[in-house]
Amino acid sequence: CDHMTLIVEFPRKYPVKPRFKGTGRNHEDVTPQPPRASFEGDPLSNRYTLVVRRPTLQHIYTIFWQVPESTAVMRADRFEASDR
């Protein structure tokens, strides 16, 4: 595919600082860098968007965040690029 878009929206006053990463088939870090990837946040709507141009097949692209008031638990939404 030409590009992949992953969007996560939180409640408006939910205090969160999400990040993104890419993981390869062998669990190696393959986080795409600009201009191949863009990660933007809208503070008013508390919505974050990851766009990866020409995502690599069988790689996983993840937006992850720390749950407020807890240092032990992480949540994530992810998209796995596949040839389906």
PDB file of N, CA and C in Angstrom:
ATOM      1  N   CYS A   1       0.838  -1.185   0.000  1.00  0.00           N
ATOM      2  CA  CYS A   1       0.000   0.000   0.000  1.00  0.00           C
ATOM      3  C   CYS A   1       0.881   1.246   0.000  1.00  0.00           C
ATOM      4  N   ASP A   2       0.312   2.367  -0.394  1.00  0.00           N
ATOM      5  CA  ASP A   2       1.067   3.615  -0.472  1.00  0.00           C
ATOM      6  C   ASP A   2       1.338   4.236   0.886  1.00  0.00           C
ATOM      7  N   HIS A   3       0.345   4.159   1.781  1.00  0.00           N
ATOM      8  CA  HIS A   3       0.550   4.683   3.131  1.00  0.00           C
ATOM      9  C   HIS A   3      -0.408   4.021   4.116  1.00  0.00           C
ATOM     10  N   MET A   4      -0.047   4.082   5.365  1.00  0.00           N
ATOM     11  CA  MET A   4      -0.821   3.510   6.453  1.00  0.00           C
ATOM     12  C   MET A   4      -1.050   4.623   7.469  1.00  0.00           C
ATOM     13  N   THR A   5      -2.291   4.734   7.956  1.00  0.00           N
ATOM     14  CA  THR A   5      -2.625   5.751   8.953  1.00  0.00           C
ATOM     15  C   THR A   5      -3.193   5.058  10.184  1.00  0.00           C
ATOM     16  N   LEU A   6      -2.658   5.409  11.349  1.00  0.00           N
ATOM     17  CA  LEU A   6      -3.128   4.879  12.621  1.00  0.00           C
ATOM     18  C   LEU A   6      -3.476   6.069  13.507  1.00  0.00           C
ATOM     19  N   ILE A   7      -4.711   6.095  14.036  1.00  0.00           N
ATOM     20  CA  ILE A   7      -5.194   7.221  14.844  1.00  0.00           C
ATOM     21  C   ILE A   7      -5.646   6.710  16.206  1.00  0.00           C
ATOM     22  N   VAL A   8      -5.233   7.411  17.258  1.00  0.00           N
ATOM     23  CA  VAL A   8      -5.688   7.114  18.616  1.00  0.00           C
ATOM     24  C   VAL A   8      -6.242   8.406  19.192  1.00  0.00           C
ATOM     25  N   GLU A   9      -7.458   8.334  19.749  1.00  0.00           N
ATOM     26  CA  GLU A   9      -8.079   9.513  20.357  1.00  0.00           C
ATOM     27  C   GLU A   9      -8.393   9.202  21.820  1.00  0.00           C
ATOM     28  N   PHE A  10      -7.965  10.100  22.695  1.00  0.00           N
ATOM     29  CA  PHE A  10      -8.162   9.956  24.134  1.00  0.00           C
ATOM     30  C   PHE A  10      -9.239  10.926  24.602  1.00  0.00           C
ATOM     31  N   PRO A  11      -9.820  10.689  25.799  1.00  0.00           N
ATOM     32  CA  PRO A  11     -10.725  11.699  26.363  1.00  0.00           C
ATOM     33  C   PRO A  11     -10.006  13.047  26.459  1.00  0.00           C
ATOM     34  N   ARG A  12     -10.724  14.129  26.339  1.00  0.00           N
ATOM     35  CA  ARG A  12     -10.115  15.464  26.224  1.00  0.00           C
ATOM     36  C   ARG A  12      -9.108  15.816  27.317  1.00  0.00           C
ATOM     37  N   LYS A  13      -9.373  15.489  28.552  1.00  0.00           N
ATOM     38  CA  LYS A  13      -8.458  15.891  29.623  1.00  0.00           C
ATOM     39  C   LYS A  13      -7.571  14.738  30.099  1.00  0.00           C
ATOM     40  N   TYR A  14      -7.499  13.682  29.326  1.00  0.00           N
ATOM     41  CA  TYR A  14      -6.665  12.530  29.665  1.00  0.00           C
ATOM     42  C   TYR A  14      -5.201  12.912  29.470  1.00  0.00           C
ATOM     43  N   PRO A  15      -4.410  12.936  30.548  1.00  0.00           N
ATOM     44  CA  PRO A  15      -3.017  13.390  30.437  1.00  0.00           C
ATOM     45  C   PRO A  15      -2.113  12.295  29.873  1.00  0.00           C
ATOM     46  N   VAL A  16      -1.783  12.409  28.622  1.00  0.00           N
ATOM     47  CA  VAL A  16      -1.013  11.345  27.979  1.00  0.00           C
ATOM     48  C   VAL A  16       0.010  11.944  27.017  1.00  0.00           C
ATOM     49  N   LYS A  17       1.145  11.254  26.880  1.00  0.00           N
ATOM     50  CA  LYS A  17       2.190  11.652  25.933  1.00  0.00           C
ATOM     51  C   LYS A  17       2.562  10.427  25.107  1.00  0.00           C
ATOM     52  N   PRO A  18       1.755  10.117  24.084  1.00  0.00           N
ATOM     53  CA  PRO A  18       2.035   8.913  23.283  1.00  0.00           C
ATOM     54  C   PRO A  18       3.284   9.063  22.428  1.00  0.00           C
ATOM     55  N   ARG A  19       3.844   7.907  22.082  1.00  0.00           N
ATOM     56  CA  ARG A  19       5.004   7.816  21.197  1.00  0.00           C
ATOM     57  C   ARG A  19       4.701   6.729  20.168  1.00  0.00           C
ATOM     58  N   PHE A  20       5.571   6.585  19.200  1.00  0.00           N
ATOM     59  CA  PHE A  20       5.357   5.524  18.212  1.00  0.00           C
ATOM     60  C   PHE A  20       6.648   4.779  17.971  1.00  0.00           C
ATOM     61  N   LYS A  21       6.507   3.565  17.424  1.00  0.00           N
ATOM     62  CA  LYS A  21       7.677   2.774  17.061  1.00  0.00           C
ATOM     63  C   LYS A  21       7.289   1.779  15.977  1.00  0.00           C
ATOM     64  N   GLY A  22       8.293   1.224  15.362  1.00  0.00           N
ATOM     65  CA  GLY A  22       8.112   0.152  14.389  1.00  0.00           C
ATOM     66  C   GLY A  22       8.929  -1.049  14.828  1.00  0.00           C
ATOM     67  N   THR A  23       8.393  -2.240  14.608  1.00  0.00           N
ATOM     68  CA  THR A  23       9.079  -3.471  14.987  1.00  0.00           C
ATOM     69  C   THR A  23       9.121  -4.401  13.785  1.00  0.00           C
ATOM     70  N   GLY A  24      10.297  -4.933  13.505  1.00  0.00           N
ATOM     71  CA  GLY A  24      10.464  -5.840  12.370  1.00  0.00           C
ATOM     72  C   GLY A  24      10.098  -7.268  12.717  1.00  0.00           C
ATOM     73  N   ARG A  25      10.209  -8.139  11.724  1.00  0.00           N
ATOM     74  CA  ARG A  25       9.841  -9.550  11.892  1.00  0.00           C
ATOM     75  C   ARG A  25      10.660 -10.250  12.971  1.00  0.00           C
ATOM     76  N   ASN A  26      11.891  -9.823  13.182  1.00  0.00           N
ATOM     77  CA  ASN A  26      12.768 -10.423  14.189  1.00  0.00           C
ATOM     78  C   ASN A  26      12.808  -9.592  15.466  1.00  0.00           C
ATOM     79  N   HIS A  27      11.769  -8.790  15.678  1.00  0.00           N
ATOM     80  CA  HIS A  27      11.601  -7.947  16.868  1.00  0.00           C
ATOM     81  C   HIS A  27      12.638  -6.821  16.966  1.00  0.00           C
ATOM     82  N   GLU A  28      13.281  -6.487  15.859  1.00  0.00           N
ATOM     83  CA  GLU A  28      14.235  -5.386  15.861  1.00  0.00           C
ATOM     84  C   GLU A  28      13.492  -4.061  15.696  1.00  0.00           C
ATOM     85  N   ASP A  29      14.098  -2.992  16.187  1.00  0.00           N
ATOM     86  CA  ASP A  29      13.514  -1.655  16.077  1.00  0.00           C
ATOM     87  C   ASP A  29      13.680  -1.165  14.636  1.00  0.00           C
ATOM     88  N   VAL A  30      12.569  -0.871  13.984  1.00  0.00           N
ATOM     89  CA  VAL A  30      12.579  -0.350  12.614  1.00  0.00           C
ATOM     90  C   VAL A  30      11.721   0.918  12.549  1.00  0.00           C
ATOM     91  N   THR A  31      11.782   1.719  13.601  1.00  0.00           N
ATOM     92  CA  THR A  31      10.961   2.925  13.680  1.00  0.00           C
ATOM     93  C   THR A  31      11.280   3.839  12.502  1.00  0.00           C
ATOM     94  N   PRO A  32      10.281   4.130  11.670  1.00  0.00           N
ATOM     95  CA  PRO A  32      10.521   4.992  10.508  1.00  0.00           C
ATOM     96  C   PRO A  32      10.718   6.444  10.921  1.00  0.00           C
ATOM     97  N   GLN A  33      11.571   7.143  10.202  1.00  0.00           N
ATOM     98  CA  GLN A  33      11.878   8.540  10.488  1.00  0.00           C
ATOM     99  C   GLN A  33      11.312   9.434   9.388  1.00  0.00           C
ATOM    100  N   PRO A  34      11.146  10.739   9.674  1.00  0.00           N
ATOM    101  CA  PRO A  34      10.694  11.654   8.626  1.00  0.00           C
ATOM    102  C   PRO A  34      11.695  11.651   7.476  1.00  0.00           C
ATOM    103  N   PRO A  35      11.273  11.803   6.264  1.00  0.00           N
ATOM    104  CA  PRO A  35       9.931  12.117   5.791  1.00  0.00           C
ATOM    105  C   PRO A  35       9.057  10.882   5.586  1.00  0.00           C
ATOM    106  N   ARG A  36       9.604   9.681   5.844  1.00  0.00           N
ATOM    107  CA  ARG A  36       8.813   8.455   5.628  1.00  0.00           C
ATOM    108  C   ARG A  36       7.666   8.317   6.610  1.00  0.00           C
ATOM    109  N   ALA A  37       7.794   8.901   7.784  1.00  0.00           N
ATOM    110  CA  ALA A  37       6.742   8.816   8.796  1.00  0.00           C
ATOM    111  C   ALA A  37       6.484  10.192   9.392  1.00  0.00           C
ATOM    112  N   SER A  38       5.232  10.417   9.775  1.00  0.00           N
ATOM    113  CA  SER A  38       4.895  11.637  10.513  1.00  0.00           C
ATOM    114  C   SER A  38       4.007  11.243  11.688  1.00  0.00           C
ATOM    115  N   PHE A  39       4.237  11.901  12.816  1.00  0.00           N
ATOM    116  CA  PHE A  39       3.462  11.651  14.026  1.00  0.00           C
ATOM    117  C   PHE A  39       3.032  13.001  14.559  1.00  0.00           C
ATOM    118  N   GLU A  40       1.724  13.232  14.567  1.00  0.00           N
ATOM    119  CA  GLU A  40       1.203  14.537  14.960  1.00  0.00           C
ATOM    120  C   GLU A  40       0.128  14.376  16.019  1.00  0.00           C
ATOM    121  N   GLY A  41       0.081  15.348  16.909  1.00  0.00           N
ATOM    122  CA  GLY A  41      -0.949  15.362  17.935  1.00  0.00           C
ATOM    123  C   GLY A  41      -1.770  16.634  17.851  1.00  0.00           C
ATOM    124  N   ASP A  42      -3.044  16.521  18.136  1.00  0.00           N
ATOM    125  CA  ASP A  42      -3.947  17.669  18.213  1.00  0.00           C
ATOM    126  C   ASP A  42      -4.320  17.830  19.687  1.00  0.00           C
ATOM    127  N   PRO A  43      -3.717  18.790  20.383  1.00  0.00           N
ATOM    128  CA  PRO A  43      -3.968  18.931  21.819  1.00  0.00           C
ATOM    129  C   PRO A  43      -5.415  19.279  22.157  1.00  0.00           C
ATOM    130  N   LEU A  44      -6.114  19.940  21.271  1.00  0.00           N
ATOM    131  CA  LEU A  44      -7.502  20.308  21.544  1.00  0.00           C
ATOM    132  C   LEU A  44      -8.408  19.076  21.604  1.00  0.00           C
ATOM    133  N   SER A  45      -8.236  18.161  20.665  1.00  0.00           N
ATOM    134  CA  SER A  45      -9.060  16.947  20.646  1.00  0.00           C
ATOM    135  C   SER A  45      -8.376  15.764  21.332  1.00  0.00           C
ATOM    136  N   ASN A  46      -7.097  15.925  21.699  1.00  0.00           N
ATOM    137  CA  ASN A  46      -6.298  14.861  22.321  1.00  0.00           C
ATOM    138  C   ASN A  46      -6.255  13.633  21.411  1.00  0.00           C
ATOM    139  N   ARG A  47      -5.993  13.906  20.134  1.00  0.00           N
ATOM    140  CA  ARG A  47      -5.967  12.883  19.088  1.00  0.00           C
ATOM    141  C   ARG A  47      -4.569  12.852  18.466  1.00  0.00           C
ATOM    142  N   TYR A  48      -4.053  11.643  18.232  1.00  0.00           N
ATOM    143  CA  TYR A  48      -2.704  11.471  17.703  1.00  0.00           C
ATOM    144  C   TYR A  48      -2.761  10.617  16.448  1.00  0.00           C
ATOM    145  N   THR A  49      -2.001  11.020  15.430  1.00  0.00           N
ATOM    146  CA  THR A  49      -2.041  10.357  14.138  1.00  0.00           C
ATOM    147  C   THR A  49      -0.632   9.985  13.693  1.00  0.00           C
ATOM    148  N   LEU A  50      -0.459   8.725  13.348  1.00  0.00           N
ATOM    149  CA  LEU A  50       0.785   8.230  12.774  1.00  0.00           C
ATOM    150  C   LEU A  50       0.519   7.885  11.313  1.00  0.00           C
ATOM    151  N   VAL A  51       1.316   8.448  10.416  1.00  0.00           N
ATOM    152  CA  VAL A  51       1.230   8.120   8.991  1.00  0.00           C
ATOM    153  C   VAL A  51       2.596   7.583   8.572  1.00  0.00           C
ATOM    154  N   VAL A  52       2.598   6.379   8.002  1.00  0.00           N
ATOM    155  CA  VAL A  52       3.825   5.778   7.481  1.00  0.00           C
ATOM    156  C   VAL A  52       3.656   5.629   5.984  1.00  0.00           C
ATOM    157  N   ARG A  53       4.560   6.232   5.233  1.00  0.00           N
ATOM    158  CA  ARG A  53       4.532   6.119   3.786  1.00  0.00           C
ATOM    159  C   ARG A  53       5.274   4.848   3.367  1.00  0.00           C
ATOM    160  N   ARG A  54       4.644   4.070   2.504  1.00  0.00           N
ATOM    161  CA  ARG A  54       5.192   2.814   2.020  1.00  0.00           C
ATOM    162  C   ARG A  54       5.622   1.907   3.186  1.00  0.00           C
ATOM    163  N   PRO A  55       4.665   1.503   4.047  1.00  0.00           N
ATOM    164  CA  PRO A  55       5.017   0.635   5.176  1.00  0.00           C
ATOM    165  C   PRO A  55       5.571  -0.711   4.688  1.00  0.00           C
ATOM    166  N   THR A  56       6.523  -1.214   5.427  1.00  0.00           N
ATOM    167  CA  THR A  56       7.161  -2.475   5.075  1.00  0.00           C
ATOM    168  C   THR A  56       6.267  -3.641   5.479  1.00  0.00           C
ATOM    169  N   LEU A  57       6.102  -4.602   4.576  1.00  0.00           N
ATOM    170  CA  LEU A  57       5.281  -5.768   4.862  1.00  0.00           C
ATOM    171  C   LEU A  57       5.836  -6.541   6.055  1.00  0.00           C
ATOM    172  N   GLN A  58       4.937  -7.081   6.865  1.00  0.00           N
ATOM    173  CA  GLN A  58       5.244  -7.897   8.033  1.00  0.00           C
ATOM    174  C   GLN A  58       5.974  -7.130   9.133  1.00  0.00           C
ATOM    175  N   HIS A  59       5.896  -5.805   9.122  1.00  0.00           N
ATOM    176  CA  HIS A  59       6.393  -4.992  10.224  1.00  0.00           C
ATOM    177  C   HIS A  59       5.199  -4.493  11.024  1.00  0.00           C
ATOM    178  N   ILE A  60       5.405  -4.216  12.291  1.00  0.00           N
ATOM    179  CA  ILE A  60       4.340  -3.748  13.178  1.00  0.00           C
ATOM    180  C   ILE A  60       4.612  -2.291  13.520  1.00  0.00           C
ATOM    181  N   TYR A  61       3.606  -1.446  13.357  1.00  0.00           N
ATOM    182  CA  TYR A  61       3.701  -0.021  13.679  1.00  0.00           C
ATOM    183  C   TYR A  61       2.774   0.241  14.864  1.00  0.00           C
ATOM    184  N   THR A  62       3.305   0.857  15.922  1.00  0.00           N
ATOM    185  CA  THR A  62       2.602   0.965  17.193  1.00  0.00           C
ATOM    186  C   THR A  62       2.601   2.398  17.712  1.00  0.00           C
ATOM    187  N   ILE A  63       1.441   2.826  18.231  1.00  0.00           N
ATOM    188  CA  ILE A  63       1.364   4.042  19.048  1.00  0.00           C
ATOM    189  C   ILE A  63       1.188   3.525  20.474  1.00  0.00           C
ATOM    190  N   PHE A  64       2.062   3.944  21.384  1.00  0.00           N
ATOM    191  CA  PHE A  64       1.971   3.458  22.754  1.00  0.00           C
ATOM    192  C   PHE A  64       2.036   4.627  23.731  1.00  0.00           C
ATOM    193  N   TRP A  65       1.545   4.379  24.951  1.00  0.00           N
ATOM    194  CA  TRP A  65       1.489   5.433  25.958  1.00  0.00           C
ATOM    195  C   TRP A  65       1.537   4.843  27.356  1.00  0.00           C
ATOM    196  N   GLN A  66       1.972   5.662  28.295  1.00  0.00           N
ATOM    197  CA  GLN A  66       1.973   5.309  29.706  1.00  0.00           C
ATOM    198  C   GLN A  66       0.606   5.646  30.282  1.00  0.00           C
ATOM    199  N   VAL A  67       0.008   4.721  30.983  1.00  0.00           N
ATOM    200  CA  VAL A  67      -1.267   4.985  31.626  1.00  0.00           C
ATOM    201  C   VAL A  67      -1.020   5.943  32.793  1.00  0.00           C
ATOM    202  N   PRO A  68      -1.782   7.039  32.897  1.00  0.00           N
ATOM    203  CA  PRO A  68      -1.550   8.007  33.977  1.00  0.00           C
ATOM    204  C   PRO A  68      -1.614   7.354  35.359  1.00  0.00           C
ATOM    205  N   GLU A  69      -0.768   7.847  36.258  1.00  0.00           N
ATOM    206  CA  GLU A  69      -0.692   7.407  37.654  1.00  0.00           C
ATOM    207  C   GLU A  69      -0.289   5.947  37.805  1.00  0.00           C
ATOM    208  N   SER A  70       0.379   5.409  36.821  1.00  0.00           N
ATOM    209  CA  SER A  70       0.884   4.052  36.928  1.00  0.00           C
ATOM    210  C   SER A  70       2.152   3.950  36.092  1.00  0.00           C
ATOM    211  N   THR A  71       3.206   3.446  36.670  1.00  0.00           N
ATOM    212  CA  THR A  71       4.446   3.291  35.915  1.00  0.00           C
ATOM    213  C   THR A  71       4.650   1.864  35.434  1.00  0.00           C
ATOM    214  N   ALA A  72       3.753   0.963  35.799  1.00  0.00           N
ATOM    215  CA  ALA A  72       3.951  -0.443  35.468  1.00  0.00           C
ATOM    216  C   ALA A  72       3.157  -0.916  34.254  1.00  0.00           C
ATOM    217  N   VAL A  73       2.125  -0.195  33.854  1.00  0.00           N
ATOM    218  CA  VAL A  73       1.229  -0.695  32.817  1.00  0.00           C
ATOM    219  C   VAL A  73       1.345   0.168  31.562  1.00  0.00           C
ATOM    220  N   MET A  74       1.490  -0.466  30.406  1.00  0.00           N
ATOM    221  CA  MET A  74       1.511   0.250  29.126  1.00  0.00           C
ATOM    222  C   MET A  74       0.347  -0.248  28.286  1.00  0.00           C
ATOM    223  N   ARG A  75      -0.247   0.638  27.485  1.00  0.00           N
ATOM    224  CA  ARG A  75      -1.302   0.279  26.537  1.00  0.00           C
ATOM    225  C   ARG A  75      -0.793   0.600  25.144  1.00  0.00           C
ATOM    226  N   ALA A  76      -1.329  -0.060  24.158  1.00  0.00           N
ATOM    227  CA  ALA A  76      -0.903   0.227  22.795  1.00  0.00           C
ATOM    228  C   ALA A  76      -1.984  -0.153  21.803  1.00  0.00           C
ATOM    229  N   ASP A  77      -2.028   0.603  20.726  1.00  0.00           N
ATOM    230  CA  ASP A  77      -2.791   0.231  19.542  1.00  0.00           C
ATOM    231  C   ASP A  77      -1.753   0.020  18.465  1.00  0.00           C
ATOM    232  N   ARG A  78      -1.960  -1.005  17.659  1.00  0.00           N
ATOM    233  CA  ARG A  78      -0.942  -1.292  16.663  1.00  0.00           C
ATOM    234  C   ARG A  78      -1.574  -1.716  15.346  1.00  0.00           C
ATOM    235  N   PHE A  79      -0.769  -1.619  14.308  1.00  0.00           N
ATOM    236  CA  PHE A  79      -1.171  -2.029  12.970  1.00  0.00           C
ATOM    237  C   PHE A  79      -0.031  -2.879  12.418  1.00  0.00           C
ATOM    238  N   GLU A  80      -0.354  -4.060  11.937  1.00  0.00           N
ATOM    239  CA  GLU A  80       0.663  -4.898  11.331  1.00  0.00           C
ATOM    240  C   GLU A  80       0.490  -4.854   9.816  1.00  0.00           C
ATOM    241  N   ALA A  81       1.524  -4.424   9.131  1.00  0.00           N
ATOM    242  CA  ALA A  81       1.486  -4.388   7.669  1.00  0.00           C
ATOM    243  C   ALA A  81       1.593  -5.822   7.156  1.00  0.00           C
ATOM    244  N   SER A  82       0.682  -6.200   6.310  1.00  0.00           N
ATOM    245  CA  SER A  82       0.724  -7.543   5.730  1.00  0.00           C
ATOM    246  C   SER A  82       0.368  -7.452   4.255  1.00  0.00           C
ATOM    247  N   ASP A  83       0.578  -8.540   3.573  1.00  0.00           N
ATOM    248  CA  ASP A  83       0.299  -8.529   2.146  1.00  0.00           C
ATOM    249  C   ASP A  83      -1.142  -8.959   1.851  1.00  0.00           C
ATOM    250  N   ARG A  84      -2.017  -8.934   2.848  1.00  0.00           N
ATOM    251  CA  ARG A  84      -3.426  -9.274   2.630  1.00  0.00           C
ATOM    252  C   ARG A  84      -4.177  -8.152   1.997  1.00  0.00           C
TER     253      ARG A  84
END
